[in-house]
Structure formats: C-alpha cells, structure tokens
C-alpha atoms as a PDB file:
ATOM      1  CA  MET A   1     -10.036  18.509   6.896  1.00  0.00           C
ATOM      2  CA  LYS A   2      -8.926  16.398   4.030  1.00  0.00           C
ATOM      3  CA  ILE A   3      -5.190  14.661   5.422  1.00  0.00           C
ATOM      4  CA  ILE A   4      -2.314  15.137   2.998  1.00  0.00           C
ATOM      5  CA  GLY A   5       0.618  12.597   3.264  1.00  0.00           C
ATOM      6  CA  VAL A   6       4.223  13.883   2.539  1.00  0.00           C
ATOM      7  CA  SER A   7       6.972  11.710   1.647  1.00  0.00           C
ATOM      8  CA  GLN A   8      10.195  13.149   3.300  1.00  0.00           C
ATOM      9  CA  ARG A   9      13.600  13.204   2.654  1.00  0.00           C
ATOM     10  CA  LEU A  10      16.358  11.286   3.899  1.00  0.00           C
ATOM     11  CA  GLY A  11      19.741  12.122   5.388  1.00  0.00           C
ATOM     12  CA  ILE A  12      22.700  10.840   7.450  1.00  0.00           C
ATOM     13  CA  SER A  13      23.403  13.016  10.729  1.00  0.00           C
ATOM     14  CA  LYS A  14      26.473  13.738  12.052  1.00  0.00           C
ATOM     15  CA  PHE A  15      26.044  11.167  14.680  1.00  0.00           C
ATOM     16  CA  GLY A  16      25.624   8.538  11.983  1.00  0.00           C
ATOM     17  CA  GLU A  17      21.896   8.352  12.050  1.00  0.00           C
ATOM     18  CA  LEU A  18      19.790   7.717   9.219  1.00  0.00           C
ATOM     19  CA  ARG A  19      16.959  10.641   9.705  1.00  0.00           C
ATOM     20  CA  VAL A  20      14.200  11.463   8.009  1.00  0.00           C
ATOM     21  CA  GLN A  21      13.084  15.257   7.201  1.00  0.00           C
ATOM     22  CA  ILE A  22      10.745  17.916   5.631  1.00  0.00           C
ATOM     23  CA  ASP A  23      11.087  21.561   4.283  1.00  0.00           C
ATOM     24  CA  ILE A  24       8.698  23.195   7.001  1.00  0.00           C
ATOM     25  CA  ARG A  25       7.389  25.474   4.344  1.00  0.00           C
ATOM     26  CA  LEU A  26       6.155  22.441   2.099  1.00  0.00           C
ATOM     27  CA  LEU A  27       4.035  21.887   4.839  1.00  0.00           C
ATOM     28  CA  ASN A  28       2.950  25.577   5.241  1.00  0.00           C
ATOM     29  CA  PHE A  29       1.985  25.335   1.479  1.00  0.00           C
ATOM     30  CA  ILE A  30      -0.258  22.264   1.959  1.00  0.00           C
ATOM     31  CA  SER A  31      -2.008  24.062   5.175  1.00  0.00           C
ATOM     32  CA  LYS A  32      -2.196  27.446   3.344  1.00  0.00           C
ATOM     33  CA  CYS A  33      -4.094  25.346   0.604  1.00  0.00           C
ATOM     34  CA  GLY A  34      -6.458  24.014   3.152  1.00  0.00           C
ATOM     35  CA  TYR A  35      -4.980  20.654   4.123  1.00  0.00           C
ATOM     36  CA  ILE A  36      -3.702  18.639   7.200  1.00  0.00           C
ATOM     37  CA  PRO A  37      -0.486  17.515   6.347  1.00  0.00           C
ATOM     38  CA  VAL A  38       1.050  14.796   7.583  1.00  0.00           C
ATOM     39  CA  PRO A  39       5.018  13.409   6.969  1.00  0.00           C
ATOM     40  CA  ILE A  40       5.064   9.762   6.103  1.00  0.00           C
ATOM     41  CA  PRO A  41       7.337   7.709   8.120  1.00  0.00           C
ATOM     42  CA  TYR A  42      10.258   5.081   6.624  1.00  0.00           C
ATOM     43  CA  PHE A  43      10.579   1.626   8.113  1.00  0.00           C
ATOM     44  CA  ASN A  44      14.518   0.775   8.289  1.00  0.00           C
ATOM     45  CA  SER A  45      14.500  -3.234   7.635  1.00  0.00           C
ATOM     46  CA  THR A  46      14.271  -4.926   5.113  1.00  0.00           C
ATOM     47  CA  LYS A  47      12.241  -4.183   2.041  1.00  0.00           C
ATOM     48  CA  LYS A  48       9.315  -6.563   2.698  1.00  0.00           C
ATOM     49  CA  ASN A  49       9.094  -5.710   6.335  1.00  0.00           C
ATOM     50  CA  SER A  50       9.394  -2.391   5.837  1.00  0.00           C
ATOM     51  CA  LEU A  51       6.383  -2.167   3.134  1.00  0.00           C
ATOM     52  CA  LYS A  52       4.511  -4.000   5.245  1.00  0.00           C
ATOM     53  CA  LYS A  53       4.735  -1.326   8.108  1.00  0.00           C
ATOM     54  CA  LEU A  54       4.182   1.252   5.791  1.00  0.00           C
ATOM     55  CA  ASN A  55       1.165  -0.361   4.230  1.00  0.00           C
ATOM     56  CA  VAL A  56      -0.153  -0.956   7.900  1.00  0.00           C
ATOM     57  CA  TRP A  57       0.481   3.309   8.333  1.00  0.00           C
ATOM     58  CA  LEU A  58      -1.149   3.671   5.256  1.00  0.00           C
ATOM     59  CA  HIS A  59      -4.654   1.916   6.465  1.00  0.00           C
ATOM     60  CA  SER A  60      -4.001   3.624   9.912  1.00  0.00           C
ATOM     61  CA  VAL A  61      -4.218   7.077   8.772  1.00  0.00           C
ATOM     62  CA  LYS A  62      -6.857   7.230   5.740  1.00  0.00           C
ATOM     63  CA  LEU A  63      -4.778   9.440   3.060  1.00  0.00           C
ATOM     64  CA  SER A  64      -6.420  11.836   1.334  1.00  0.00           C
ATOM     65  CA  GLY A  65      -3.990  12.826  -0.987  1.00  0.00           C
ATOM     66  CA  LEU A  66      -0.356  11.881  -1.545  1.00  0.00           C
ATOM     67  CA  VAL A  67       2.290  14.740  -2.199  1.00  0.00           C
ATOM     68  CA  LEU A  68       5.825  13.276  -3.126  1.00  0.00           C
ATOM     69  CA  SER A  69       8.576  15.614  -2.244  1.00  0.00           C
ATOM     70  CA  GLY A  70      11.649  16.801  -3.308  1.00  0.00           C
ATOM     71  CA  GLY A  71      14.979  15.939  -1.875  1.00  0.00           C
ATOM     72  CA  GLU A  72      18.087  13.465  -3.180  1.00  0.00           C
ATOM     73  CA  ASP A  73      18.358  11.986  -6.219  1.00  0.00           C
ATOM     74  CA  ILE A  74      16.648   9.003  -7.146  1.00  0.00           C
ATOM     75  CA  GLY A  75      19.298   5.895  -5.950  1.00  0.00           C
ATOM     76  CA  LYS A  76      20.978   7.425  -3.149  1.00  0.00           C
ATOM     77  CA  TYR A  77      18.725   6.152   0.023  1.00  0.00           C
ATOM     78  CA  LYS A  78      16.892   2.626  -1.877  1.00  0.00           C
ATOM     79  CA  LEU A  79      14.642   2.785   1.147  1.00  0.00           C
ATOM     80  CA  ARG A  80      12.864   5.911  -0.190  1.00  0.00           C
ATOM     81  CA  ASP A  81      13.006   5.133  -3.652  1.00  0.00           C
ATOM     82  CA  TYR A  82      11.257   1.857  -3.338  1.00  0.00           C
ATOM     83  CA  SER A  83       8.769   3.403  -0.363  1.00  0.00           C
ATOM     84  CA  GLU A  84       7.685   6.025  -2.351  1.00  0.00           C
ATOM     85  CA  LYS A  85       7.402   3.742  -5.166  1.00  0.00           C
ATOM     86  CA  PHE A  86       4.977   2.097  -3.356  1.00  0.00           C
ATOM     87  CA  LEU A  87       3.064   5.197  -2.252  1.00  0.00           C
ATOM     88  CA  ILE A  88       2.442   5.843  -5.917  1.00  0.00           C
ATOM     89  CA  SER A  89       0.892   1.827  -6.399  1.00  0.00           C
ATOM     90  CA  TYR A  90      -1.111   2.427  -2.834  1.00  0.00           C
ATOM     91  CA  SER A  91      -2.650   5.810  -4.166  1.00  0.00           C
ATOM     92  CA  MET A  92      -3.615   4.400  -7.745  1.00  0.00           C
ATOM     93  CA  LYS A  93      -5.018   1.179  -5.737  1.00  0.00           C
ATOM     94  CA  LYS A  94      -7.266   3.596  -3.298  1.00  0.00           C
ATOM     95  CA  ARG A  95      -7.626   6.683  -5.997  1.00  0.00           C
ATOM     96  CA  ILE A  96      -5.781   8.669  -3.856  1.00  0.00           C
ATOM     97  CA  PRO A  97      -4.566  11.542  -5.806  1.00  0.00           C
ATOM     98  CA  VAL A  98      -0.895  12.021  -6.168  1.00  0.00           C
ATOM     99  CA  PHE A  99       0.975  15.388  -6.720  1.00  0.00           C
ATOM    100  CA  GLY A 100       5.216  15.045  -7.485  1.00  0.00           C
ATOM    101  CA  ILE A 101       7.226  17.706  -6.739  1.00  0.00           C
ATOM    102  CA  CYS A 102      11.005  17.836  -8.300  1.00  0.00           C
ATOM    103  CA  ARG A 103      12.022  14.569  -7.127  1.00  0.00           C
ATOM    104  CA  GLY A 104       8.542  13.278  -6.791  1.00  0.00           C
ATOM    105  CA  MET A 105       7.810  13.970 -10.725  1.00  0.00           C
ATOM    106  CA  GLN A 106      10.619  12.154 -11.394  1.00  0.00           C
ATOM    107  CA  VAL A 107      10.107   9.337  -9.294  1.00  0.00           C
ATOM    108  CA  ILE A 108       6.536   9.242 -10.887  1.00  0.00           C
ATOM    109  CA  GLY A 109       8.520   9.092 -14.300  1.00  0.00           C
ATOM    110  CA  SER A 110      10.561   6.136 -13.271  1.00  0.00           C
ATOM    111  CA  TYR A 111       7.356   4.435 -11.472  1.00  0.00           C
ATOM    112  CA  PHE A 112       5.861   4.324 -15.275  1.00  0.00           C
ATOM    113  CA  LYS A 113       9.083   3.062 -17.219  1.00  0.00           C
ATOM    114  CA  VAL A 114      10.576   6.751 -17.912  1.00  0.00           C
ATOM    115  CA  LYS A 115      14.326   7.016 -17.870  1.00  0.00           C
ATOM    116  CA  LEU A 116      15.906  10.152 -16.583  1.00  0.00           C
ATOM    117  CA  LYS A 117      19.018  11.998 -18.377  1.00  0.00           C
ATOM    118  CA  PRO A 118      21.509  14.840 -17.016  1.00  0.00           C
ATOM    119  CA  VAL A 119      20.548  18.225 -17.606  1.00  0.00           C
ATOM    120  CA  LYS A 120      22.585  21.439 -16.907  1.00  0.00           C
ATOM    121  CA  ASN A 121      22.111  24.769 -15.859  1.00  0.00           C
ATOM    122  CA  HIS A 122      18.982  23.876 -14.154  1.00  0.00           C
ATOM    123  CA  ALA A 123      20.112  23.998 -10.108  1.00  0.00           C
ATOM    124  CA  ASN A 124      19.552  27.051  -8.151  1.00  0.00           C
ATOM    125  CA  ILE A 125      18.144  29.395 -10.678  1.00  0.00           C
ATOM    126  CA  LEU A 126      15.132  31.057 -11.849  1.00  0.00           C
ATOM    127  CA  HIS A 127      14.341  30.196 -15.277  1.00  0.00           C
ATOM    128  CA  ILE A 128      11.287  30.508 -18.027  1.00  0.00           C
ATOM    129  CA  ILE A 129       8.794  27.509 -19.029  1.00  0.00           C
ATOM    130  CA  TYR A 130       5.877  27.242 -21.514  1.00  0.00           C
ATOM    131  CA  SER A 131       2.683  26.147 -22.777  1.00  0.00           C
ATOM    132  CA  ASN A 132       0.722  26.913 -25.545  1.00  0.00           C
ATOM    133  CA  LYS A 133      -0.692  29.278 -23.799  1.00  0.00           C
ATOM    134  CA  LYS A 134       1.126  30.591 -20.726  1.00  0.00           C
ATOM    135  CA  ARG A 135       4.646  31.431 -20.002  1.00  0.00           C
ATOM    136  CA  PHE A 136       6.074  31.475 -16.328  1.00  0.00           C
ATOM    137  CA  THR A 137       9.513  31.932 -14.532  1.00  0.00           C
ATOM    138  CA  VAL A 138      10.207  29.692 -11.611  1.00  0.00           C
ATOM    139  CA  ASN A 139      12.642  28.038  -9.490  1.00  0.00           C
ATOM    140  CA  SER A 140      14.704  25.056 -10.775  1.00  0.00           C
ATOM    141  CA  TYR A 141      16.842  22.783  -8.151  1.00  0.00           C
ATOM    142  CA  HIS A 142      16.694  19.769 -10.093  1.00  0.00           C
ATOM    143  CA  ASN A 143      19.926  17.589 -12.071  1.00  0.00           C
ATOM    144  CA  PHE A 144      18.076  15.088 -13.768  1.00  0.00           C
ATOM    145  CA  SER A 145      14.849  15.374 -16.335  1.00  0.00           C
ATOM    146  CA  LEU A 146      12.556  12.872 -17.657  1.00  0.00           C
ATOM    147  CA  LYS A 147      13.919  11.535 -20.970  1.00  0.00           C
ATOM    148  CA  LYS A 148      10.348  11.449 -22.354  1.00  0.00           C
ATOM    149  CA  CYS A 149       6.570  11.794 -21.369  1.00  0.00           C
ATOM    150  CA  PRO A 150       5.259   8.805 -19.504  1.00  0.00           C
ATOM    151  CA  GLN A 151       2.514   6.693 -21.330  1.00  0.00           C
ATOM    152  CA  ASN A 152      -0.536   8.277 -20.663  1.00  0.00           C
ATOM    153  CA  PHE A 153       0.417  11.791 -19.374  1.00  0.00           C
ATOM    154  CA  SER A 154       0.430  14.848 -21.172  1.00  0.00           C
ATOM    155  CA  ILE A 155       3.372  17.528 -20.755  1.00  0.00           C
ATOM    156  CA  GLU A 156       1.955  20.775 -19.427  1.00  0.00           C
ATOM    157  CA  PHE A 157       5.483  22.883 -19.823  1.00  0.00           C
ATOM    158  CA  LYS A 158       8.465  22.721 -21.015  1.00  0.00           C
ATOM    159  CA  SER A 159      11.600  24.746 -20.524  1.00  0.00           C
ATOM    160  CA  LEU A 160      13.239  26.737 -23.472  1.00  0.00           C
ATOM    161  CA  ASP A 161      15.530  24.392 -23.746  1.00  0.00           C
ATOM    162  CA  GLY A 162      12.984  21.827 -24.402  1.00  0.00           C
ATOM    163  CA  ASN A 163      13.175  19.728 -21.015  1.00  0.00           C
ATOM    164  CA  ILE A 164      10.116  18.762 -19.734  1.00  0.00           C
ATOM    165  CA  GLU A 165       8.517  20.702 -16.703  1.00  0.00           C
ATOM    166  CA  SER A 166       5.604  19.446 -15.764  1.00  0.00           C
ATOM    167  CA  ILE A 167       2.934  16.658 -16.343  1.00  0.00           C
ATOM    168  CA  GLN A 168      -0.655  15.525 -15.792  1.00  0.00           C
ATOM    169  CA  SER A 169      -2.116  12.240 -16.302  1.00  0.00           C
ATOM    170  CA  LYS A 170      -4.881  11.712 -18.653  1.00  0.00           C
ATOM    171  CA  SER A 171      -6.375   9.125 -16.986  1.00  0.00           C
ATOM    172  CA  LYS A 172      -5.769   9.323 -12.721  1.00  0.00           C
ATOM    173  CA  LYS A 173      -5.561  12.394 -10.231  1.00  0.00           C
ATOM    174  CA  MET A 174      -1.673  12.728 -10.693  1.00  0.00           C
ATOM    175  CA  TYR A 175       0.703  16.232 -11.183  1.00  0.00           C
ATOM    176  CA  ALA A 176       3.714  17.132 -11.216  1.00  0.00           C
ATOM    177  CA  CYS A 177       6.058  19.625 -11.448  1.00  0.00           C
ATOM    178  CA  MET A 178      10.381  20.222 -11.656  1.00  0.00           C
ATOM    179  CA  TRP A 179       9.988  23.318  -9.860  1.00  0.00           C
ATOM    180  CA  HIS A 180       9.288  23.759  -5.658  1.00  0.00           C
ATOM    181  CA  PRO A 181       6.025  25.536  -5.137  1.00  0.00           C
ATOM    182  CA  GLU A 182       6.777  25.636  -1.624  1.00  0.00           C
ATOM    183  CA  ARG A 183       9.905  27.830  -2.050  1.00  0.00           C
ATOM    184  CA  TYR A 184       8.547  31.204  -2.519  1.00  0.00           C
ATOM    185  CA  LYS A 185       8.223  34.070  -0.183  1.00  0.00           C
ATOM    186  CA  ASP A 186       4.945  34.212  -1.097  1.00  0.00           C
ATOM    187  CA  PHE A 187       2.872  31.051  -2.397  1.00  0.00           C
ATOM    188  CA  LYS A 188       1.850  31.435  -6.028  1.00  0.00           C
ATOM    189  CA  ARG A 189      -1.882  31.609  -7.099  1.00  0.00           C
ATOM    190  CA  PHE A 190      -1.046  29.605  -9.752  1.00  0.00           C
ATOM    191  CA  ASP A 191       0.550  26.511  -8.036  1.00  0.00           C
ATOM    192  CA  MET A 192      -1.857  27.174  -5.367  1.00  0.00           C
ATOM    193  CA  MET A 193      -4.217  26.600  -7.757  1.00  0.00           C
ATOM    194  CA  LYS A 194      -3.409  23.417  -9.410  1.00  0.00           C
ATOM    195  CA  PHE A 195      -2.639  21.795  -5.659  1.00  0.00           C
ATOM    196  CA  LYS A 196      -6.353  22.495  -4.998  1.00  0.00           C
ATOM    197  CA  LYS A 197      -7.934  21.727  -8.357  1.00  0.00           C
ATOM    198  CA  LEU A 198      -6.049  18.278  -7.762  1.00  0.00           C
ATOM    199  CA  PHE A 199      -7.285  17.246  -4.080  1.00  0.00           C
ATOM    200  CA  HIS A 200     -10.720  18.628  -4.210  1.00  0.00           C
END
C-alpha cells in the first residue's frame, strides 16, 4: 500500500508545550481510501536546521503522496508555515501528488503567491458550492479564502457568494478544497473518488 504523509497542526498545551496533533478522522479517511497515513513531524529548531531534519525524514520514509491538513490560520506558527511550504517544494521536485484541505488550500495558494482575504459566514456551517455541471452542500470551517486562482490552476467549485472552494493544477498532481472530507459521519463518495484519482 502507498504511504501518504499528513501534515499536522500545532498547539500549545496547558503545560506550555508546543505539540503536534492530527484529527483521527483524517487518518480514517485516508485509510478508507486504501492508503497508509503517516503523520509528518516538525523539528522545532532554527529554520535551516528544522528543514534539514525534515528533508532527512522525507528521504527515509519514501512518501507516495502528501496531504496538507486543516488547522490554525497561516501566520500563527511560523514553524508549520515554512515546513509546509518546504513540503510543497519537495513534493513538486519528487513529483509527489499533493492534496490540500482548508488551510492546506490556503498554503498552496500562498506558495504560488496568491494572497488571502477574510470571508464572512464560512465558519461552522454547511453551504452550497457549484460548478458548471454539479452542485453540492459541504461543510465549512474557514475565515479566509484565496483572492484569486493561482497561476496554472483551474477553479473546480465556488461558493454561492463567489469565493473559491476548490482548485486543480493544470500541470501537476495537485488538488485542494476548502471543505473537510474527513468531517462527515459517512465519508462522501465524491471526496473519496477525488482522493483516489489523485494518488492512483
């Protein structure tokens, strides 16, 4: 089975420790799609040393895919920000497919020089997204959206208020969505098909 690396969110514990964590539902979603999820570590040192250690770890694990998970906003933890951008660079160099979820889509946009904008009524709700051929109701847990589509990407879905909800690279195996495929009691067939097609 293919190994899919999963980036983790960061948080400060009640003891003042900087901790990594991941939603078990995301690991279950990846497993349900037929892959082995492996949480990716961060190394809290200087940026240069941290990325050097991450690079060594990546070479030892031999990933077949990368998932950039959701979580805190960009800018809250620089360690996560630069580590995930390094993961994107590494994945493109090694031709490893990338799937971004919520914050993960924002990081991909930021990597390709697209700025974020604040949005209203996109947190803790269900809302409709649409394309030329399809219309879905999805969950939504974000306060920011991409200002525009990154260069060499196409927009797959938008929300009814005009914000970008999912993007697909035209030249690379890279896909991202603003909703959380893992946060449904029963995983959606559409999300699983997208995931499997990307990492096939």
